[in-house]
């Protein structure tokens, strides 16, 4: 049940949080403004594939997400629009009409993505393929099982590759959330006892690392963003 709740939250954030670039040629991803779940968008839309790695006790789960966003024009506040029928690797994505997001979860092999878009209005029909390069994190098993609220927490974030955007580390418990960022790996993530003041000891909190790999693609003379993202989550026990 807890796994399902966390994954539902992950999907919800991917649907409704989207950062749109102002310029016709987006700046390098390292200079982009993002949040831990933000989709970095191209001018006329975004194609996203993401892995969610979650640990519960000694068990690991890997879920996948793929979605697409389409806009009527470049700009700061574009209008999300339908692009007709959108499929990936022969699977039709579900369309959520507010604000027009095409989505499928845990049903498509993300190693090679073959997109087919039927088109609608300003979005013309197009088919294309690419092999996404998702970020990797080899230090995942170094995450602790327990930390002490009275001592705080220092963790060296290392072993990250294929990530060209800001690294986000967030911890949350119920409605409380704290986020730290790092530009490169290795980096030290610190949480002091005062940072943890409102967290409840004797229970778990969620530790989340969000990684991004962003690039562009031009289709029918329009620029789109490609996101290959990966998120790692673990529940850590908080002692007094």
Protein backbone atom coordinates (compact mmCIF):
# COMPACT_ATOMS: atom_id res chain seq x y z
CA UNK A 1 0.00 0.00 0.00
CA UNK A 2 2.77 2.47 0.90
CA UNK A 3 4.51 1.77 -2.41
CA UNK A 4 1.29 2.51 -4.31
CA UNK A 5 0.77 5.80 -2.47
CA UNK A 6 4.31 6.99 -3.16
CA UNK A 7 4.13 6.03 -6.82
CA UNK A 8 0.76 7.80 -7.19
CA UNK A 9 2.34 10.95 -5.75
CA UNK A 10 5.26 10.59 -8.17
CA UNK A 11 2.90 10.30 -11.14
CA UNK A 12 0.80 13.24 -9.99
CA UNK A 13 3.83 15.50 -9.76
CA UNK A 14 5.05 14.49 -13.21
CA UNK A 15 1.64 15.35 -14.66
CA UNK A 16 1.02 18.71 -13.05
CA UNK A 17 4.46 20.30 -12.49
CA UNK A 18 6.06 21.67 -15.64
CA UNK A 19 8.71 24.35 -16.11
CA UNK A 20 8.50 26.24 -19.41
CA UNK A 21 11.46 28.07 -20.96
CA UNK A 22 11.10 31.63 -22.26
CA UNK A 23 13.69 31.63 -25.06
CA UNK A 24 13.29 29.82 -28.38
CA UNK A 25 16.59 28.09 -27.62
CA UNK A 26 16.59 26.96 -23.97
CA UNK A 27 19.69 27.65 -21.87
CA UNK A 28 21.85 24.73 -20.74
CA UNK A 29 19.99 22.51 -18.26
CA UNK A 30 22.46 23.31 -15.47
CA UNK A 31 21.16 26.89 -15.53
CA UNK A 32 17.51 25.94 -15.63
CA UNK A 33 15.12 26.46 -12.76
CA UNK A 34 13.67 23.14 -11.65
CA UNK A 35 12.28 21.33 -8.66
CA UNK A 36 12.71 17.74 -7.62
CA UNK A 37 9.86 16.60 -9.85
CA UNK A 38 9.91 19.27 -12.54
CA UNK A 39 9.82 18.43 -16.22
CA UNK A 40 12.20 20.66 -18.20
CA UNK A 41 10.22 21.64 -21.29
CA UNK A 42 11.10 22.54 -24.86
CA UNK A 43 9.37 25.30 -26.80
CA UNK A 44 6.55 23.25 -28.29
CA UNK A 45 6.48 20.33 -25.90
CA UNK A 46 8.30 17.69 -23.92
CA UNK A 47 8.86 13.95 -24.18
CA UNK A 48 9.68 12.38 -20.84
CA UNK A 49 10.78 8.93 -19.69
CA UNK A 50 11.60 8.26 -16.06
CA UNK A 51 12.55 5.44 -13.73
CA UNK A 52 11.48 5.43 -10.09
CA UNK A 53 13.61 3.22 -7.84
CA UNK A 54 12.11 2.63 -4.40
CA UNK A 55 13.44 0.64 -1.46
CA UNK A 56 11.22 -0.79 1.26
CA UNK A 57 13.28 -2.77 3.74
CA UNK A 58 15.48 -5.08 1.69
CA UNK A 59 13.17 -5.03 -1.33
CA UNK A 60 13.71 -2.83 -4.38
CA UNK A 61 11.01 -1.77 -6.83
CA UNK A 62 11.56 -0.15 -10.22
CA UNK A 63 8.62 1.58 -11.87
CA UNK A 64 8.65 3.52 -15.13
CA UNK A 65 6.77 6.52 -16.44
CA UNK A 66 6.47 8.01 -19.91
CA UNK A 67 4.56 11.12 -20.88
CA UNK A 68 4.27 13.89 -23.43
CA UNK A 69 3.24 17.54 -23.27
CA UNK A 70 2.41 19.72 -26.30
CA UNK A 71 2.00 23.50 -26.55
CA UNK A 72 0.42 25.83 -29.09
CA UNK A 73 3.39 28.22 -29.16
CA UNK A 74 6.65 29.02 -27.35
CA UNK A 75 6.53 31.48 -24.48
CA UNK A 76 6.37 31.86 -20.72
CA UNK A 77 2.75 30.74 -20.30
CA UNK A 78 1.87 28.54 -23.28
CA UNK A 79 -1.41 26.73 -23.73
CA UNK A 80 -1.27 22.95 -23.41
CA UNK A 81 -3.04 21.31 -26.36
CA UNK A 82 -3.98 17.92 -27.72
CA UNK A 83 -1.70 16.33 -30.33
CA UNK A 84 -4.20 13.72 -31.45
CA UNK A 85 -3.32 10.10 -30.77
CA UNK A 86 0.13 9.58 -29.21
CA UNK A 87 1.73 6.16 -28.91
CA UNK A 88 5.12 4.86 -27.83
CA UNK A 89 6.43 1.45 -28.90
CA UNK A 90 2.96 0.58 -30.13
CA UNK A 91 1.22 1.48 -26.84
CA UNK A 92 -1.26 4.36 -26.93
CA UNK A 93 -0.74 6.85 -24.12
CA UNK A 94 -3.70 7.95 -22.03
CA UNK A 95 -4.71 11.58 -22.50
CA UNK A 96 -5.54 13.65 -19.43
CA UNK A 97 -7.33 16.75 -20.77
CA UNK A 98 -6.40 19.09 -17.95
CA UNK A 99 -3.80 20.26 -18.86
CA UNK A 100 -3.46 17.83 -21.81
CA UNK A 101 -0.87 15.34 -20.68
CA UNK A 102 -0.25 12.00 -22.39
CA UNK A 103 0.78 9.38 -19.83
CA UNK A 104 1.55 5.69 -19.36
CA UNK A 105 3.10 4.04 -16.33
CA UNK A 106 5.18 0.90 -15.96
CA UNK A 107 4.11 -0.62 -19.30
CA UNK A 108 6.75 0.48 -21.83
CA UNK A 109 10.39 -0.57 -22.19
CA UNK A 110 12.30 2.71 -21.91
CA UNK A 111 15.53 1.58 -23.60
CA UNK A 112 14.36 2.54 -27.11
CA UNK A 113 11.37 4.84 -27.60
CA UNK A 114 9.45 4.94 -30.86
CA UNK A 115 6.98 7.83 -30.74
CA UNK A 116 4.06 8.18 -33.17
CA UNK A 117 1.94 11.34 -33.08
CA UNK A 118 -1.14 11.62 -35.28
CA UNK A 119 -1.25 15.40 -35.02
CA UNK A 120 -3.99 17.90 -34.29
CA UNK A 121 -4.20 21.53 -35.39
CA UNK A 122 -0.82 23.22 -34.94
CA UNK A 123 0.80 19.88 -34.02
CA UNK A 124 1.52 18.05 -37.25
CA UNK A 125 1.85 14.28 -37.55
CA UNK A 126 5.33 12.91 -36.90
CA UNK A 127 7.14 9.68 -36.01
CA UNK A 128 10.61 9.50 -34.47
CA UNK A 129 12.82 7.30 -32.29
CA UNK A 130 15.60 7.78 -29.78
CA UNK A 131 17.48 5.91 -27.07
CA UNK A 132 17.18 7.85 -23.80
CA UNK A 133 20.23 8.02 -21.56
CA UNK A 134 18.91 7.99 -18.01
CA UNK A 135 21.04 9.18 -15.08
CA UNK A 136 22.72 6.51 -12.97
CA UNK A 137 23.54 6.43 -9.25
CA UNK A 138 25.87 3.74 -7.94
CA UNK A 139 25.92 5.05 -4.35
CA UNK A 140 22.35 4.10 -3.59
CA UNK A 141 23.27 1.23 -1.26
CA UNK A 142 25.26 3.68 0.88
CA UNK A 143 22.09 5.35 2.14
CA UNK A 144 21.66 4.66 5.87
CA UNK A 145 18.78 2.70 7.34
CA UNK A 146 18.59 4.91 10.44
CA UNK A 147 19.63 8.42 11.48
CA UNK A 148 19.38 10.26 14.77
CA UNK A 149 17.27 13.41 15.06
CA UNK A 150 19.51 14.77 17.83
CA UNK A 151 22.68 14.29 15.76
CA UNK A 152 21.52 15.34 12.32
CA UNK A 153 22.81 13.84 9.13
CA UNK A 154 25.73 14.33 6.71
CA UNK A 155 25.74 12.28 3.53
CA UNK A 156 28.28 12.40 0.69
CA UNK A 157 26.39 12.12 -2.56
CA UNK A 158 28.68 10.38 -5.05
CA UNK A 159 28.54 7.88 -7.91
CA UNK A 160 26.19 9.91 -10.14
CA UNK A 161 26.62 9.88 -13.92
CA UNK A 162 24.66 10.95 -17.03
CA UNK A 163 23.03 13.79 -15.10
CA UNK A 164 23.26 17.25 -16.69
CA UNK A 165 20.86 19.17 -14.45
CA UNK A 166 20.64 20.18 -10.82
CA UNK A 167 20.59 17.25 -8.38
CA UNK A 168 17.73 17.43 -5.89
CA UNK A 169 17.65 15.70 -2.52
CA UNK A 170 14.49 15.95 -0.47
CA UNK A 171 13.30 14.44 2.78
CA UNK A 172 9.67 14.39 3.79
CA UNK A 173 7.42 13.13 6.53
CA UNK A 174 3.68 13.75 6.37
CA UNK A 175 3.32 17.42 5.30
CA UNK A 176 6.92 18.39 6.20
CA UNK A 177 9.50 18.60 3.42
CA UNK A 178 13.08 19.82 3.13
CA UNK A 179 15.01 20.08 -0.16
CA UNK A 180 18.73 20.39 -0.79
CA UNK A 181 20.40 20.88 -4.17
CA UNK A 182 23.80 20.08 -5.66
CA UNK A 183 25.27 21.13 -9.00
CA UNK A 184 27.69 18.23 -9.30
CA UNK A 185 28.64 14.94 -7.67
CA UNK A 186 30.29 14.39 -5.23
CA UNK A 187 28.52 16.76 -2.88
CA UNK A 188 27.70 16.72 0.83
CA UNK A 189 24.06 16.85 1.89
CA UNK A 190 23.65 18.10 5.47
CA UNK A 191 20.64 18.10 7.78
CA UNK A 192 21.11 19.61 11.20
CA UNK A 193 19.07 18.77 14.33
CA UNK A 194 17.26 22.09 13.85
CA UNK A 195 16.36 21.07 10.28
CA UNK A 196 14.72 17.98 11.72
CA UNK A 197 12.99 19.81 14.58
CA UNK A 198 9.46 19.19 13.25
CA UNK A 199 10.07 15.61 12.19
CA UNK A 200 8.63 12.90 14.45
CA UNK A 201 11.16 10.41 15.85
CA UNK A 202 10.27 6.76 16.13
CA UNK A 203 8.95 6.63 12.57
CA UNK A 204 10.18 6.67 8.96
CA UNK A 205 10.79 9.59 6.67
CA UNK A 206 11.18 9.53 2.88
CA UNK A 207 14.63 10.25 1.42
CA UNK A 208 14.51 11.11 -2.29
CA UNK A 209 17.22 11.83 -4.89
CA UNK A 210 16.06 13.25 -8.25
CA UNK A 211 18.35 13.22 -11.29
CA UNK A 212 17.80 14.73 -14.74
CA UNK A 213 19.24 14.34 -18.23
CA UNK A 214 17.89 16.88 -20.70
CA UNK A 215 18.33 17.39 -24.46
CA UNK A 216 16.49 18.91 -27.43
CA UNK A 217 14.98 17.55 -30.62
CA UNK A 218 13.60 19.42 -33.65
CA UNK A 219 10.45 18.00 -35.27
CA UNK A 220 8.75 19.71 -38.22
CA UNK A 221 10.91 22.81 -37.58
CA UNK A 222 9.74 23.04 -33.95
CA UNK A 223 11.93 22.45 -30.92
CA UNK A 224 10.92 19.95 -28.22
CA UNK A 225 12.57 18.89 -24.99
CA UNK A 226 13.59 15.32 -24.16
CA UNK A 227 13.81 14.36 -20.49
CA UNK A 228 15.43 11.15 -19.25
CA UNK A 229 14.98 11.23 -15.48
CA UNK A 230 15.61 8.89 -12.59
CA UNK A 231 14.51 9.10 -8.97
CA UNK A 232 15.72 7.07 -5.99
CA UNK A 233 13.65 6.78 -2.83
CA UNK A 234 14.22 5.10 0.50
CA UNK A 235 12.38 5.13 3.81
CA UNK A 236 14.82 5.85 6.66
CA UNK A 237 14.01 5.38 10.33
CA UNK A 238 14.40 8.49 12.50
CA UNK A 239 15.65 7.86 16.02
CA UNK A 240 15.26 10.43 18.83
